[in-house]
Amino acid sequence: MTREAFGAEFEGADGFLNSPTYGLPPQFLVDALLDCIGTWQNGTMDVSAFDDHVVAGRAGYAALTGLPVDSVAMAATVSSALGLVAAAVPDGTRVVTLPGEFTSTTFPFAAQAGRGVTVTELPADELIDAAADFDAVVASLVQSADGAVLDLDALRARVAGTETLTVVDITQALGWRRVELDWVDVTVAAVYKWLLSPRGTTWMSLSDRVSRSMTTHCANWYAGDEPWQSIYGLPLRLADTARRFDLSPTWFSALGAGLALPWLATLDGDAVQAHCLGLANRLRTELDLPPQDSAIVSLPNAAGPERLQRAGIRASVRAGAIRVGFHLYNNENDLDRLLDALRT
């Protein structure tokens, strides 16, 4: 069944509440991807054409975050992107994060223990209070397991005027939530969840001070100042923007991101956020759950996933609880079906 939402068509949205795991592609993206696969199959694919999608995806990420295009680098995964950042922090850096944080966000820093880097877990309110006492804060804006939202305004006020490095994973926020992140040193987001693209691309923004401190450990031809002129031979000749940290694009993922992110950036962000939060908060109200302005809802005492599957609800289990997420293609029918299944 095709469902229209915000001017695009989506297949499979009926009962699909699993966007925190992977998002559904709009039909225009699927059509373009199938066309591209067809050219691959018959040997007429133009590899250089993916450059335009990389440019569009980078611009889309910049537009959605309000950050300069030249500050945005392309990676494959969150962990590979943050690995470059973690490798650049000084020996003995003291990092603070949240308990239960997604490990692709924290493991790159914990892996630096041999250099004296420490990672301390503190509850959100304590993390914010103590942020300025640490060298770096590393956390997700929206937690993967339960949708808890970090108070970025309070964190910004706490670290203002300090040297504390801020690293914010926005994978579970960007696409449904409005963000203002021009003060954050590092942002990072994978595209295959709320950004509705094929898995394989991650975007990362870097402040000047972080970018200057990093080494291009994964330097490659595509990070060159003129990529198609840096395929062979020395000397090293990299871009002078954050693009020098780019990986060579994962073709079909880059294509999808180059279509989905610019489209998302054209939407009324307030309307998208209100739509997603309206459904999630109605669920919380119906089930007497604590208020939380997040599109992700954790249902610790809900029926097992098998019952939801029988009702046509697709969700996931995280941290021992049913996890659902409401995106722009969900509607009241999905919510009512979920409530009926939970109350059966």
Protein backbone atom coordinates (compact mmCIF):
# COMPACT_ATOMS: atom_id res chain seq x y z
CA MET A 1 0.00 0.00 0.00
CA THR A 2 1.41 3.36 -1.04
CA ARG A 3 1.20 6.20 1.45
CA GLU A 4 1.78 9.87 0.63
CA ALA A 5 3.52 12.04 3.20
CA PHE A 6 4.97 15.54 2.84
CA GLY A 7 4.69 15.32 -0.94
CA ALA A 8 6.47 11.98 -1.38
CA GLU A 9 5.23 8.40 -1.73
CA PHE A 10 6.30 5.53 0.53
CA GLU A 11 5.67 1.81 0.23
CA GLY A 12 5.51 -0.28 3.38
CA ALA A 13 4.78 2.57 5.80
CA ASP A 14 1.57 0.97 7.07
CA GLY A 15 2.44 -0.31 10.55
CA PHE A 16 6.15 0.45 10.13
CA LEU A 17 7.43 1.95 13.42
CA ASN A 18 11.04 0.88 13.05
CA SER A 19 12.70 4.05 11.74
CA PRO A 20 15.27 4.06 14.59
CA THR A 21 16.61 0.87 12.95
CA TYR A 22 16.27 1.89 9.31
CA GLY A 23 14.14 4.39 7.46
CA LEU A 24 11.90 3.80 4.46
CA PRO A 25 13.04 5.33 1.17
CA PRO A 26 10.73 7.68 -0.72
CA GLN A 27 9.61 6.29 -4.06
CA PHE A 28 11.58 8.85 -6.06
CA LEU A 29 14.77 7.52 -4.43
CA VAL A 30 13.85 3.91 -5.17
CA ASP A 31 13.13 4.77 -8.82
CA ALA A 32 16.51 6.48 -9.20
CA LEU A 33 18.29 3.62 -7.48
CA LEU A 34 16.65 1.03 -9.72
CA ASP A 35 17.55 3.04 -12.79
CA CYS A 36 21.15 3.21 -11.61
CA ILE A 37 21.27 -0.51 -10.88
CA GLY A 38 19.97 -1.06 -14.41
CA THR A 39 22.89 0.90 -15.87
CA TRP A 40 25.27 -1.10 -13.70
CA GLN A 41 23.70 -4.34 -14.93
CA ASN A 42 24.01 -3.43 -18.60
CA GLY A 43 27.45 -1.86 -18.26
CA THR A 44 26.52 1.75 -18.98
CA MET A 45 26.88 3.18 -15.47
CA ASP A 46 28.75 6.49 -15.35
CA VAL A 47 30.86 6.34 -12.20
CA SER A 48 31.72 10.04 -12.27
CA ALA A 49 28.00 10.89 -12.07
CA PHE A 50 28.04 9.90 -8.40
CA ASP A 51 30.08 13.05 -7.73
CA ASP A 52 26.95 15.13 -8.17
CA HIS A 53 25.13 13.05 -5.56
CA VAL A 54 28.03 13.48 -3.13
CA VAL A 55 27.88 17.25 -3.61
CA ALA A 56 24.10 17.23 -3.09
CA GLY A 57 24.28 15.00 -0.02
CA ARG A 58 26.94 17.19 1.58
CA ALA A 59 24.89 20.31 0.88
CA GLY A 60 21.78 18.60 2.27
CA TYR A 61 23.54 17.74 5.52
CA ALA A 62 24.80 21.31 5.81
CA ALA A 63 21.31 22.69 5.22
CA LEU A 64 19.70 20.37 7.78
CA THR A 65 22.27 21.25 10.46
CA GLY A 66 22.84 24.91 9.62
CA LEU A 67 26.56 24.29 9.21
CA PRO A 68 28.96 25.41 6.46
CA VAL A 69 29.31 23.01 3.55
CA ASP A 70 33.10 23.25 3.74
CA SER A 71 33.00 21.84 7.29
CA VAL A 72 31.32 18.57 6.21
CA ALA A 73 33.24 15.35 5.51
CA MET A 74 31.95 12.04 4.14
CA ALA A 75 32.59 8.74 5.91
CA ALA A 76 31.08 5.28 5.76
CA THR A 77 30.00 4.75 9.38
CA VAL A 78 29.76 6.75 12.59
CA SER A 79 32.59 4.79 14.20
CA SER A 80 34.97 5.28 11.27
CA ALA A 81 34.26 9.01 11.28
CA LEU A 82 34.69 9.41 15.03
CA GLY A 83 37.78 7.20 14.94
CA LEU A 84 39.62 10.05 13.20
CA VAL A 85 38.47 12.47 15.89
CA ALA A 86 39.40 10.12 18.74
CA ALA A 87 42.84 9.52 17.25
CA ALA A 88 43.45 13.28 17.31
CA VAL A 89 42.63 14.04 20.95
CA PRO A 90 45.75 14.58 23.10
CA ASP A 91 47.16 11.87 25.35
CA GLY A 92 45.40 11.83 28.70
CA THR A 93 42.19 13.42 27.39
CA ARG A 94 39.29 13.08 29.84
CA VAL A 95 36.04 12.27 28.04
CA VAL A 96 32.57 12.26 29.60
CA THR A 97 29.60 10.46 28.07
CA LEU A 98 26.20 9.02 29.01
CA PRO A 99 25.49 5.58 30.50
CA GLY A 100 24.29 3.16 27.84
CA GLU A 101 25.47 5.37 24.99
CA PHE A 102 25.59 3.75 21.54
CA THR A 103 28.99 2.12 21.33
CA SER A 104 29.85 3.35 17.83
CA THR A 105 29.92 6.78 19.48
CA THR A 106 31.99 5.85 22.54
CA PHE A 107 34.18 2.92 21.49
CA PRO A 108 36.48 5.03 19.26
CA PHE A 109 37.41 7.08 22.33
CA ALA A 110 37.55 4.15 24.75
CA ALA A 111 39.95 2.45 22.32
CA GLN A 112 42.46 5.24 22.99
CA ALA A 113 43.03 4.03 26.57
CA GLY A 114 46.60 3.09 25.75
CA ARG A 115 47.33 6.81 25.39
CA GLY A 116 45.80 7.59 28.76
CA VAL A 117 42.43 8.67 27.35
CA THR A 118 39.64 7.99 29.88
CA VAL A 119 35.90 7.81 29.29
CA THR A 120 33.57 8.47 32.25
CA GLU A 121 29.83 7.77 32.20
CA LEU A 122 27.53 10.22 33.99
CA PRO A 123 23.72 10.63 33.96
CA ALA A 124 22.56 13.45 31.69
CA ASP A 125 22.05 16.11 34.38
CA GLU A 126 25.38 15.30 36.01
CA LEU A 127 27.12 15.25 32.64
CA ILE A 128 25.90 18.75 31.87
CA ASP A 129 26.86 20.07 35.31
CA ALA A 130 30.36 18.59 35.03
CA ALA A 131 30.93 19.12 31.30
CA ALA A 132 33.37 22.00 31.71
CA ASP A 133 35.50 19.88 34.05
CA PHE A 134 36.25 17.43 31.22
CA ASP A 135 38.30 17.82 28.07
CA ALA A 136 35.56 16.41 25.82
CA VAL A 137 31.85 15.62 25.90
CA VAL A 138 30.83 12.77 23.60
CA ALA A 139 27.13 11.90 23.41
CA SER A 140 24.11 11.40 21.18
CA LEU A 141 21.49 14.11 20.97
CA VAL A 142 18.81 11.40 21.03
CA GLN A 143 19.58 8.07 22.64
CA SER A 144 19.18 5.01 20.44
CA ALA A 145 17.80 2.70 23.12
CA ASP A 146 15.05 4.82 24.64
CA GLY A 147 14.85 8.14 22.80
CA ALA A 148 16.09 10.26 25.71
CA VAL A 149 17.00 13.75 24.50
CA LEU A 150 20.11 15.57 25.69
CA ASP A 151 19.52 19.19 26.75
CA LEU A 152 21.82 20.85 24.23
CA ASP A 153 20.93 24.38 25.34
CA ALA A 154 22.04 23.60 28.88
CA LEU A 155 25.20 21.91 27.62
CA ARG A 156 26.03 24.86 25.41
CA ALA A 157 25.65 27.27 28.31
CA ARG A 158 27.83 25.07 30.52
CA VAL A 159 30.77 24.78 28.11
CA ALA A 160 30.61 28.34 26.73
CA GLY A 161 33.98 30.03 27.06
CA THR A 162 35.79 26.80 27.92
CA GLU A 163 38.10 24.56 25.93
CA THR A 164 35.82 21.52 26.30
CA LEU A 165 35.43 19.66 23.02
CA THR A 166 31.83 18.81 22.05
CA VAL A 167 31.07 15.74 19.94
CA VAL A 168 27.38 15.09 19.23
CA ASP A 169 25.99 12.09 17.35
CA ILE A 170 22.75 13.22 15.72
CA THR A 171 21.96 9.97 13.90
CA GLN A 172 18.72 9.41 15.86
CA ALA A 173 17.62 13.04 15.57
CA LEU A 174 18.41 14.48 12.17
CA GLY A 175 15.50 14.00 9.80
CA TRP A 176 12.71 14.45 12.32
CA ARG A 177 14.09 17.05 14.76
CA ARG A 178 15.10 20.66 14.17
CA VAL A 179 18.68 21.27 15.25
CA GLU A 180 20.97 24.28 15.71
CA LEU A 181 24.51 23.02 15.98
CA ASP A 182 26.82 25.78 14.81
CA TRP A 183 28.50 25.80 18.25
CA VAL A 184 29.26 22.05 18.32
CA ASP A 185 32.80 20.96 17.42
CA VAL A 186 31.83 17.66 15.80
CA THR A 187 28.47 16.41 14.55
CA VAL A 188 27.96 13.04 12.92
CA ALA A 189 25.00 11.18 11.43
CA ALA A 190 24.52 7.96 9.50
CA VAL A 191 22.03 8.33 6.64
CA TYR A 192 20.17 5.02 6.76
CA LYS A 193 17.79 5.75 9.64
CA TRP A 194 15.83 9.00 9.81
CA LEU A 195 17.57 10.33 6.67
CA LEU A 196 15.88 7.63 4.56
CA SER A 197 18.91 6.56 2.53
CA PRO A 198 20.72 3.28 1.83
CA ARG A 199 23.27 2.25 4.44
CA GLY A 200 26.89 3.10 3.66
CA THR A 201 27.31 6.87 4.07
CA THR A 202 27.87 8.99 7.16
CA TRP A 203 28.31 12.76 7.26
CA MET A 204 30.47 14.52 9.84
CA SER A 205 30.99 18.24 10.47
CA LEU A 206 34.20 19.57 12.00
CA SER A 207 35.00 22.88 13.66
CA ASP A 208 38.20 24.57 12.57
CA ARG A 209 40.06 23.68 15.75
CA VAL A 210 39.19 19.99 15.43
CA SER A 211 39.88 19.86 11.72
CA ARG A 212 43.33 21.39 12.21
CA SER A 213 44.22 18.80 14.86
CA MET A 214 43.23 15.74 12.82
CA THR A 215 45.42 13.57 10.64
CA THR A 216 44.04 12.25 7.36
CA HIS A 217 44.70 8.62 8.30
CA CYS A 218 42.40 7.43 5.52
CA ALA A 219 43.74 9.78 2.82
CA ASN A 220 42.64 8.56 -0.60
CA TRP A 221 42.16 9.74 -4.15
CA TYR A 222 38.63 11.05 -3.52
CA ALA A 223 39.89 13.38 -0.78
CA GLY A 224 42.16 15.06 -3.29
CA ASP A 225 41.82 18.70 -4.21
CA GLU A 226 40.92 17.51 -7.72
CA PRO A 227 39.78 13.91 -7.13
CA TRP A 228 39.99 12.70 -10.72
CA GLN A 229 43.49 14.18 -10.98
CA SER A 230 44.82 12.50 -7.80
CA ILE A 231 44.26 8.87 -8.71
CA TYR A 232 47.93 8.05 -9.27
CA GLY A 233 51.27 9.10 -7.91
CA LEU A 234 52.71 11.45 -5.34
CA PRO A 235 52.91 14.08 -3.95
CA LEU A 236 50.05 14.14 -1.44
CA ARG A 237 47.51 16.69 -2.67
CA LEU A 238 44.37 16.86 -0.53
CA ALA A 239 41.47 19.31 -0.41
CA ASP A 240 41.91 22.24 1.95
CA THR A 241 38.35 21.88 3.35
CA ALA A 242 36.90 19.10 5.49
CA ARG A 243 36.57 17.18 2.24
CA ARG A 244 40.19 16.07 2.76
CA PHE A 245 38.78 13.57 5.25
CA ASP A 246 36.32 12.10 2.72
CA LEU A 247 36.26 8.42 1.96
CA SER A 248 35.62 7.26 -1.56
CA PRO A 249 31.81 7.16 -1.91
CA THR A 250 29.71 4.06 -1.51
CA TRP A 251 27.94 4.55 -4.80
CA PHE A 252 24.32 3.60 -4.19
CA SER A 253 24.28 5.03 -0.69
CA ALA A 254 25.75 8.30 -1.96
CA LEU A 255 23.07 8.39 -4.65
CA GLY A 256 20.32 7.93 -2.08
CA ALA A 257 21.74 10.50 0.32
CA GLY A 258 22.16 12.95 -2.55
CA LEU A 259 18.44 12.72 -3.21
CA ALA A 260 16.94 12.25 0.26
CA LEU A 261 18.87 14.86 2.28
CA PRO A 262 18.22 17.80 -0.08
CA TRP A 263 14.54 16.80 -0.19
CA LEU A 264 14.32 16.66 3.60
CA ALA A 265 15.99 20.07 3.77
CA THR A 266 13.20 21.58 1.64
CA LEU A 267 10.48 20.51 4.07
CA ASP A 268 9.07 22.64 6.84
CA GLY A 269 11.22 21.36 9.70
CA ASP A 270 8.80 22.60 12.35
CA ALA A 271 5.93 20.75 10.65
CA VAL A 272 7.92 17.51 10.41
CA GLN A 273 8.96 17.70 14.06
CA ALA A 274 5.43 18.53 15.21
CA HIS A 275 4.03 15.61 13.21
CA CYS A 276 6.48 13.06 14.63
CA LEU A 277 6.25 14.34 18.20
CA GLY A 278 2.47 14.56 18.01
CA LEU A 279 2.19 10.83 17.36
CA ALA A 280 4.87 9.87 19.89
CA ASN A 281 3.44 12.06 22.63
CA ARG A 282 -0.09 10.81 22.07
CA LEU A 283 1.26 7.27 22.60
CA ARG A 284 2.92 8.38 25.84
CA THR A 285 -0.32 10.00 27.01
CA GLU A 286 -2.41 6.93 26.16
CA LEU A 287 -0.02 4.64 28.06
CA ASP A 288 0.66 7.02 30.98
CA LEU A 289 4.35 7.20 30.12
CA PRO A 290 6.54 10.09 31.32
CA PRO A 291 6.59 13.06 28.94
CA GLN A 292 9.57 13.27 26.60
CA ASP A 293 9.77 15.25 23.38
CA SER A 294 11.25 12.45 21.29
CA ALA A 295 10.02 10.59 18.22
CA ILE A 296 11.40 7.40 19.80
CA VAL A 297 9.32 5.70 22.50
CA SER A 298 10.52 2.85 24.69
CA LEU A 299 7.84 0.44 25.97
CA PRO A 300 9.48 -1.59 28.76
CA ASN A 301 6.34 -3.44 29.83
CA ALA A 302 4.80 -3.95 26.41
CA ALA A 303 3.70 -7.19 24.81
CA GLY A 304 6.37 -9.22 23.08
CA PRO A 305 7.42 -8.41 19.51
CA GLU A 306 5.60 -11.50 18.21
CA ARG A 307 2.23 -10.05 19.22
CA LEU A 308 3.05 -6.77 17.53
CA GLN A 309 4.14 -8.59 14.39
CA ARG A 310 0.85 -10.45 14.27
CA ALA A 311 -0.89 -7.08 14.41
CA GLY A 312 1.18 -5.83 11.48
CA ILE A 313 3.41 -3.61 13.61
CA ARG A 314 7.13 -3.60 12.80
CA ALA A 315 9.30 -2.42 15.67
CA SER A 316 12.49 -3.52 17.42
CA VAL A 317 13.74 -4.58 20.84
CA ARG A 318 16.47 -2.51 22.47
CA ALA A 319 17.74 -2.62 26.05
CA GLY A 320 15.04 -5.18 26.94
CA ALA A 321 12.11 -3.02 25.76
CA ILE A 322 10.02 -2.59 22.63
CA ARG A 323 11.26 0.48 20.74
CA VAL A 324 9.05 2.34 18.29
CA GLY A 325 9.73 5.45 16.28
CA PHE A 326 7.38 7.82 14.47
CA HIS A 327 8.62 9.41 11.26
CA LEU A 328 7.08 11.70 8.68
CA TYR A 329 5.41 8.77 6.84
CA ASN A 330 3.58 7.49 9.95
CA ASN A 331 0.02 8.48 10.82
CA GLU A 332 -2.78 7.94 13.32
CA ASN A 333 -3.63 4.55 11.82
CA ASP A 334 -0.18 3.24 12.79
CA LEU A 335 -0.60 4.59 16.30
CA ASP A 336 -4.11 3.17 16.72
CA ARG A 337 -2.98 -0.23 15.49
CA LEU A 338 -0.11 -0.21 17.97
CA LEU A 339 -2.41 0.77 20.84
CA ASP A 340 -4.89 -1.94 19.94
CA ALA A 341 -2.11 -4.54 19.90
CA LEU A 342 -0.76 -3.37 23.25
CA ARG A 343 -4.20 -3.48 24.84
CA THR A 344 -5.18 -6.89 23.50
